[in-house]
């Protein structure tokens, strides 16, 4: 009799455990469905309303915390870091999410997530101007990704290492890493990332004054990118490459071809809200029209670039714009204005130098 009672009790316990597991599985499935749905909705707002996208991501973070989903939270913080850095240029939020991701690093067991985290932390530091720290993180991402079989984003990390070398005027090393990226990306069916590597190589060759090589690689990038303009991102990337070719044409003194590229780039990004490309394109137009002595056209380009720079005060571009503005006023005989603009340029240059000294000091102190 006691044995029968024991069996009944065990049966009830097993049934209860089974029902509990089933209930938990059902709750987990509902959570995953809700989490994925909110994430998808947030990403749909990336080109429409960033504030709405961020609000939805924060709502999702609360849901993830409620379900103790640590890996999902890490992935979301990683995505938010990229969003604030690469898409919004919000340096304050970038700093916050760099700190969050650095705190997450010891907890990340997934190598793919770890490689991505190092990449995005590095990009955050690059945007903030801390190139030494950016390079350290990029090289860490390379170390992780090189251990993974056929990791497509390894090419992205190589490109970023190449970019840091470019910013440090180490053009030979920069080209070396862009070539490594291109080798990986040439094996992928979607050639858009290969076009990105070719564009980067063109930029570096232009800075190194190897203009034939610069034009060759940018032309290859344009040929790839013009085949697929199906999304806003693809259109912006195509406009970026056109703008880069425009600057090669300026270096080659082919100003009319440069103007054509800049005007086409502006017409494309006006539809896709690419402010950085727009500023650089108007600056390129200004430089071209100054060389062609087209004063009225140069003045139009000057006003357009100043208007955007007032809204988006990117210091490096402001310095270039001040330099061209000074040239314009000097050529048109307005020497007093040229002098005042030169003073603004010199003051901003000094401000940038002071910031760079501070950043370099902070990085050295951290070693």
Protein backbone atom coordinates (compact mmCIF):
# COMPACT_ATOMS: atom_id res chain seq x y z
CA UNK A 1 0.00 0.00 0.00
CA UNK A 2 2.84 2.41 0.95
CA UNK A 3 4.61 1.58 -2.33
CA UNK A 4 1.45 2.42 -4.31
CA UNK A 5 1.12 5.77 -2.50
CA UNK A 6 4.79 6.53 -3.19
CA UNK A 7 4.34 5.81 -6.91
CA UNK A 8 1.28 8.07 -7.02
CA UNK A 9 3.21 10.89 -5.32
CA UNK A 10 6.13 10.49 -7.73
CA UNK A 11 3.71 10.47 -10.67
CA UNK A 12 2.10 13.72 -9.46
CA UNK A 13 5.55 15.32 -9.01
CA UNK A 14 6.65 14.33 -12.52
CA UNK A 15 3.40 15.63 -14.01
CA UNK A 16 3.84 18.92 -12.11
CA UNK A 17 7.46 19.26 -13.32
CA UNK A 18 6.37 18.49 -16.88
CA UNK A 19 3.60 21.09 -16.74
CA UNK A 20 6.03 23.63 -15.26
CA UNK A 21 8.54 23.01 -18.05
CA UNK A 22 5.80 23.29 -20.65
CA UNK A 23 4.58 26.53 -19.08
CA UNK A 24 8.13 27.93 -18.95
CA UNK A 25 8.75 26.93 -22.56
CA UNK A 26 5.53 28.67 -23.56
CA UNK A 27 6.56 31.82 -21.64
CA UNK A 28 10.05 31.69 -23.20
CA UNK A 29 8.54 31.40 -26.67
CA UNK A 30 6.24 34.37 -26.01
CA UNK A 31 9.17 36.41 -24.66
CA UNK A 32 11.36 35.64 -27.67
CA UNK A 33 8.53 36.52 -30.03
CA UNK A 34 7.87 39.84 -28.25
CA UNK A 35 11.59 40.69 -28.01
CA UNK A 36 12.21 39.99 -31.70
CA UNK A 37 9.09 41.91 -32.71
CA UNK A 38 10.13 45.05 -30.77
CA UNK A 39 13.67 44.82 -32.15
CA UNK A 40 12.42 44.54 -35.72
CA UNK A 41 10.08 47.50 -35.22
CA UNK A 42 12.91 49.60 -33.73
CA UNK A 43 15.15 48.93 -36.75
CA UNK A 44 12.37 49.93 -39.13
CA UNK A 45 12.60 53.46 -37.65
CA UNK A 46 16.36 53.88 -38.30
CA UNK A 47 15.73 55.99 -41.42
CA UNK A 48 12.50 57.57 -40.17
CA UNK A 49 12.74 58.54 -36.50
CA UNK A 50 15.86 57.81 -34.42
CA UNK A 51 14.19 58.90 -31.17
CA UNK A 52 11.40 56.37 -31.73
CA UNK A 53 13.96 53.66 -32.55
CA UNK A 54 15.92 54.38 -29.35
CA UNK A 55 12.73 54.42 -27.24
CA UNK A 56 11.75 50.99 -28.60
CA UNK A 57 15.24 49.60 -27.91
CA UNK A 58 15.02 50.86 -24.32
CA UNK A 59 11.61 49.19 -23.97
CA UNK A 60 13.19 45.97 -25.21
CA UNK A 61 16.04 46.32 -22.70
CA UNK A 62 13.52 46.38 -19.84
CA UNK A 63 11.93 43.22 -21.21
CA UNK A 64 15.33 41.50 -21.47
CA UNK A 65 16.22 42.46 -17.89
CA UNK A 66 12.90 41.10 -16.66
CA UNK A 67 13.74 37.74 -18.25
CA UNK A 68 17.42 37.86 -17.16
CA UNK A 69 18.52 37.54 -20.79
CA UNK A 70 22.13 38.71 -20.37
CA UNK A 71 23.36 37.80 -23.86
CA UNK A 72 20.44 39.63 -25.51
CA UNK A 73 21.19 42.72 -23.38
CA UNK A 74 24.85 42.62 -24.42
CA UNK A 75 23.86 42.33 -28.07
CA UNK A 76 21.45 45.25 -27.70
CA UNK A 77 24.03 47.47 -25.97
CA UNK A 78 26.44 46.60 -28.79
CA UNK A 79 23.84 47.61 -31.37
CA UNK A 80 23.07 50.86 -29.52
CA UNK A 81 26.78 51.70 -29.38
CA UNK A 82 26.94 51.32 -33.16
CA UNK A 83 23.75 53.32 -33.63
CA UNK A 84 24.91 56.26 -31.50
CA UNK A 85 28.39 56.21 -33.05
CA UNK A 86 28.04 55.40 -36.74
CA UNK A 87 24.51 56.55 -37.42
CA UNK A 88 23.86 59.45 -35.05
CA UNK A 89 27.31 60.80 -34.17
CA UNK A 90 26.15 61.32 -30.57
CA UNK A 91 29.46 61.41 -28.69
CA UNK A 92 27.95 61.63 -25.19
CA UNK A 93 25.85 58.49 -25.72
CA UNK A 94 28.80 56.85 -27.49
CA UNK A 95 30.89 57.33 -24.31
CA UNK A 96 28.14 55.80 -22.17
CA UNK A 97 27.82 52.70 -24.36
CA UNK A 98 31.59 52.28 -24.75
CA UNK A 99 31.74 51.99 -20.95
CA UNK A 100 28.82 49.53 -20.92
CA UNK A 101 30.43 47.32 -23.56
CA UNK A 102 33.84 47.42 -21.85
CA UNK A 103 32.11 46.19 -18.67
CA UNK A 104 30.41 43.44 -20.69
CA UNK A 105 33.64 42.14 -22.28
CA UNK A 106 34.61 39.65 -19.50
CA UNK A 107 31.09 38.14 -19.65
CA UNK A 108 31.06 37.50 -23.41
CA UNK A 109 31.65 33.83 -24.23
CA UNK A 110 30.40 33.91 -27.84
CA UNK A 111 33.41 34.67 -30.10
CA UNK A 112 31.27 36.28 -32.81
CA UNK A 113 29.73 38.71 -30.29
CA UNK A 114 33.17 39.35 -28.74
CA UNK A 115 34.72 40.20 -32.11
CA UNK A 116 31.84 42.55 -32.89
CA UNK A 117 32.11 44.20 -29.45
CA UNK A 118 35.81 44.98 -29.90
CA UNK A 119 35.08 46.38 -33.38
CA UNK A 120 32.34 48.71 -32.18
CA UNK A 121 34.20 49.86 -29.09
CA UNK A 122 37.13 50.65 -31.36
CA UNK A 123 34.92 52.60 -33.73
CA UNK A 124 33.53 54.59 -30.82
CA UNK A 125 37.06 55.57 -29.78
CA UNK A 126 37.95 56.40 -33.40
CA UNK A 127 35.00 58.78 -33.74
CA UNK A 128 36.03 60.42 -30.45
CA UNK A 129 39.58 60.84 -31.79
CA UNK A 130 41.35 58.29 -29.56
CA UNK A 131 43.18 56.50 -32.36
CA UNK A 132 45.64 54.51 -30.23
CA UNK A 133 42.80 53.00 -28.17
CA UNK A 134 40.74 52.44 -31.31
CA UNK A 135 43.62 50.52 -32.89
CA UNK A 136 44.04 48.34 -29.77
CA UNK A 137 40.38 47.32 -29.96
CA UNK A 138 40.47 46.76 -33.72
CA UNK A 139 43.50 44.48 -33.37
CA UNK A 140 41.71 42.59 -30.57
CA UNK A 141 38.74 42.11 -32.91
CA UNK A 142 41.12 40.83 -35.61
CA UNK A 143 42.68 38.35 -33.14
CA UNK A 144 39.23 36.98 -32.26
CA UNK A 145 37.85 36.89 -35.81
CA UNK A 146 40.96 35.26 -37.32
CA UNK A 147 40.24 32.22 -35.12
CA UNK A 148 36.76 31.84 -36.62
CA UNK A 149 36.18 29.90 -39.85
CA UNK A 150 35.20 32.13 -42.80
CA UNK A 151 34.22 35.11 -40.67
CA UNK A 152 32.93 37.66 -43.19
CA UNK A 153 33.23 40.63 -40.83
CA UNK A 154 37.00 40.09 -40.56
CA UNK A 155 37.22 42.20 -43.71
CA UNK A 156 35.45 45.02 -41.87
CA UNK A 157 38.01 44.90 -39.06
CA UNK A 158 40.88 44.94 -41.58
CA UNK A 159 39.32 48.02 -43.20
CA UNK A 160 39.10 49.79 -39.85
CA UNK A 161 42.74 49.03 -39.04
CA UNK A 162 43.56 50.44 -42.47
CA UNK A 163 41.56 53.57 -41.66
CA UNK A 164 43.52 54.23 -38.46
CA UNK A 165 46.79 53.88 -40.37
CA UNK A 166 45.40 56.35 -42.94
CA UNK A 167 44.52 58.86 -40.19
CA UNK A 168 48.10 58.49 -38.90
CA UNK A 169 49.46 59.11 -42.46
CA UNK A 170 50.90 55.57 -42.61
CA UNK A 171 49.64 55.00 -46.13
CA UNK A 172 51.63 51.86 -46.96
CA UNK A 173 50.31 50.03 -43.89
CA UNK A 174 46.82 51.33 -44.63
CA UNK A 175 46.84 49.91 -48.17
CA UNK A 176 48.16 46.59 -46.83
CA UNK A 177 45.11 46.12 -44.59
CA UNK A 178 42.62 47.36 -47.18
CA UNK A 179 44.05 44.75 -49.59
CA UNK A 180 43.57 42.04 -46.96
CA UNK A 181 39.96 43.17 -46.58
CA UNK A 182 39.42 43.17 -50.35
CA UNK A 183 40.81 39.63 -50.63
CA UNK A 184 38.22 38.34 -48.13
CA UNK A 185 35.37 40.37 -49.61
CA UNK A 186 36.10 39.27 -53.19
CA UNK A 187 34.92 35.77 -52.18
CA UNK A 188 31.49 37.00 -51.03
CA UNK A 189 28.61 36.99 -53.51
CA UNK A 190 27.44 40.51 -52.55
CA UNK A 191 30.27 42.73 -53.82
CA UNK A 192 29.11 45.90 -52.05
CA UNK A 193 31.62 45.41 -49.22
CA UNK A 194 34.35 44.87 -51.81
CA UNK A 195 33.39 48.25 -53.27
CA UNK A 196 33.89 49.73 -49.80
CA UNK A 197 37.45 48.37 -49.69
CA UNK A 198 38.15 49.70 -53.19
CA UNK A 199 36.82 53.13 -52.17
CA UNK A 200 39.09 53.16 -49.11
CA UNK A 201 42.08 52.18 -51.23
CA UNK A 202 41.25 55.02 -53.63
CA UNK A 203 41.11 57.52 -50.76
CA UNK A 204 44.50 56.40 -49.40
CA UNK A 205 46.14 56.45 -52.84
CA UNK A 206 44.82 60.00 -53.38
CA UNK A 207 46.31 61.13 -50.06
CA UNK A 208 49.59 59.47 -51.06
CA UNK A 209 49.39 61.39 -54.38
CA UNK A 210 49.25 58.16 -56.41
CA UNK A 211 46.38 59.51 -58.47
CA UNK A 212 46.25 56.88 -61.24
CA UNK A 213 45.86 54.12 -58.64
CA UNK A 214 43.32 56.22 -56.74
CA UNK A 215 41.15 56.68 -59.82
CA UNK A 216 41.49 53.01 -60.82
CA UNK A 217 40.14 51.65 -57.51
CA UNK A 218 37.39 54.23 -57.12
CA UNK A 219 36.22 53.51 -60.68
CA UNK A 220 36.02 49.81 -59.78
CA UNK A 221 33.98 50.68 -56.69
CA UNK A 222 31.58 52.83 -58.73
CA UNK A 223 31.06 50.04 -61.28
CA UNK A 224 30.05 47.66 -58.47
CA UNK A 225 27.84 50.10 -56.58
CA UNK A 226 25.85 51.44 -59.50
CA UNK A 227 24.57 47.91 -60.16
CA UNK A 228 22.50 47.93 -56.96
CA UNK A 229 20.86 51.13 -55.72
CA UNK A 230 17.81 49.41 -54.23
CA UNK A 231 18.10 50.82 -50.68
CA UNK A 232 18.78 54.19 -49.04
CA UNK A 233 22.05 52.83 -47.63
CA UNK A 234 23.24 51.64 -51.05
CA UNK A 235 22.39 55.03 -52.58
CA UNK A 236 24.32 56.87 -49.86
CA UNK A 237 27.32 54.57 -50.35
CA UNK A 238 27.23 55.21 -54.10
CA UNK A 239 27.10 58.97 -53.45
CA UNK A 240 30.09 58.65 -51.09
CA UNK A 241 32.14 56.93 -53.79
CA UNK A 242 31.15 59.56 -56.38
CA UNK A 243 32.25 62.27 -53.95
CA UNK A 244 35.59 60.49 -53.46
CA UNK A 245 36.12 60.34 -57.23
CA UNK A 246 35.31 64.05 -57.39
CA UNK A 247 38.26 64.78 -55.10
CA UNK A 248 40.55 62.65 -57.28
CA UNK A 249 39.40 64.67 -60.29
CA UNK A 250 40.26 67.89 -58.41
CA UNK A 251 43.76 66.54 -57.74
CA UNK A 252 44.01 65.73 -61.47
CA UNK A 253 42.75 69.26 -62.30
CA UNK A 254 39.74 67.78 -64.12
CA UNK A 255 37.37 70.25 -62.49
CA UNK A 256 34.32 69.86 -64.74
CA UNK A 257 34.27 66.10 -64.10
CA UNK A 258 34.66 66.77 -60.38
CA UNK A 259 31.69 69.16 -60.44
CA UNK A 260 29.56 66.54 -62.20
CA UNK A 261 30.35 63.95 -59.50
CA UNK A 262 29.72 66.34 -56.61
CA UNK A 263 26.39 67.49 -58.05
CA UNK A 264 25.24 63.91 -58.58
CA UNK A 265 26.32 62.96 -55.04
CA UNK A 266 24.35 65.88 -53.59
CA UNK A 267 21.23 64.98 -55.56
CA UNK A 268 21.41 61.39 -54.25
CA UNK A 269 22.06 62.16 -50.58
CA UNK A 270 19.39 64.87 -50.49
CA UNK A 271 16.98 61.95 -50.81
CA UNK A 272 18.72 59.86 -48.12
CA UNK A 273 19.79 62.48 -45.57
CA UNK A 274 23.56 61.99 -45.87
CA UNK A 275 24.83 65.21 -44.26
CA UNK A 276 28.55 64.36 -44.19
CA UNK A 277 28.61 63.53 -47.90
CA UNK A 278 26.62 66.69 -48.65
CA UNK A 279 29.07 68.95 -46.78
CA UNK A 280 32.11 67.38 -48.45
CA UNK A 281 30.44 67.60 -51.87
CA UNK A 282 29.62 71.30 -51.48
CA UNK A 283 33.19 71.86 -50.28
CA UNK A 284 34.43 70.05 -53.40
CA UNK A 285 32.19 72.24 -55.57
CA UNK A 286 33.58 75.33 -53.86
CA UNK A 287 37.17 74.21 -54.52
CA UNK A 288 36.38 73.40 -58.17
CA UNK A 289 34.59 76.67 -58.90
CA UNK A 290 37.41 78.68 -57.28
CA UNK A 291 39.90 77.00 -59.62
CA UNK A 292 37.63 77.73 -62.62
CA UNK A 293 37.18 81.39 -61.52
CA UNK A 294 33.39 80.89 -61.40
CA UNK A 295 32.82 83.37 -58.59
CA UNK A 296 29.01 83.27 -58.52
CA UNK A 297 28.91 79.45 -58.46
CA UNK A 298 31.67 79.36 -55.84
CA UNK A 299 29.69 81.72 -53.61
CA UNK A 300 26.56 79.53 -53.92
CA UNK A 301 28.58 76.47 -52.87
CA UNK A 302 30.15 78.45 -50.02
CA UNK A 303 26.77 79.50 -48.62
CA UNK A 304 25.40 75.95 -48.93
CA UNK A 305 28.36 74.37 -47.12
CA UNK A 306 28.31 77.02 -44.35
CA UNK A 307 24.59 76.47 -43.80
CA UNK A 308 25.05 72.73 -43.23
CA UNK A 309 28.19 73.21 -41.11
CA UNK A 310 26.25 75.57 -38.86
CA UNK A 311 23.82 72.73 -38.14
CA UNK A 312 26.52 70.01 -38.06
CA UNK A 313 29.75 71.70 -36.86
CA UNK A 314 32.31 69.05 -37.82
CA UNK A 315 35.60 70.74 -36.92
CA UNK A 316 37.89 69.13 -39.51
CA UNK A 317 35.49 70.06 -42.29
CA UNK A 318 35.07 73.57 -40.87
CA UNK A 319 38.85 74.09 -41.14
CA UNK A 320 38.83 73.01 -44.79
CA UNK A 321 35.83 75.22 -45.47
CA UNK A 322 37.47 78.24 -43.80
CA UNK A 323 40.56 77.69 -45.94
CA UNK A 324 38.51 77.66 -49.15
CA UNK A 325 36.38 80.60 -47.99
CA UNK A 326 39.58 82.59 -47.43
CA UNK A 327 40.80 81.68 -50.92
CA UNK A 328 37.47 82.79 -52.39
CA UNK A 329 37.57 86.20 -50.67
CA UNK A 330 41.22 86.68 -51.59
CA UNK A 331 40.52 85.90 -55.26
CA UNK A 332 37.56 88.27 -55.34
CA UNK A 333 39.62 91.08 -53.76
CA UNK A 334 37.94 91.12 -50.33
CA UNK A 335 41.17 90.93 -48.33
CA UNK A 336 39.71 92.01 -44.99
CA UNK A 337 37.19 89.15 -45.04
CA UNK A 338 39.91 86.74 -46.14
CA UNK A 339 42.03 87.83 -43.16
CA UNK A 340 39.15 87.42 -40.67
CA UNK A 341 38.33 83.95 -42.02
CA UNK A 342 42.01 82.97 -41.72
CA UNK A 343 41.92 84.02 -38.07
CA UNK A 344 38.88 81.79 -37.48
CA UNK A 345 40.63 78.90 -39.24
CA UNK A 346 43.83 79.32 -37.20
CA UNK A 347 41.86 79.54 -33.95
CA UNK A 348 39.92 76.36 -34.76
CA UNK A 349 43.12 74.58 -35.81
CA UNK A 350 44.67 75.45 -32.45
CA UNK A 351 41.57 74.17 -30.67
CA UNK A 352 41.82 70.86 -32.56
CA UNK A 353 45.56 70.58 -31.76
CA UNK A 354 44.89 71.18 -28.06
CA UNK A 355 42.17 68.51 -28.07
CA UNK A 356 44.51 66.04 -29.80
CA UNK A 357 47.28 66.72 -27.27
CA UNK A 358 44.81 66.07 -24.43
CA UNK A 359 43.59 62.84 -26.04
CA UNK A 360 47.14 61.61 -26.66
CA UNK A 361 48.07 62.41 -23.05
CA UNK A 362 45.03 60.52 -21.74
CA UNK A 363 45.89 57.49 -23.89
CA UNK A 364 49.52 57.48 -22.75
CA UNK A 365 48.45 57.73 -19.10
CA UNK A 366 46.22 54.69 -19.62
CA UNK A 367 49.13 52.53 -20.83
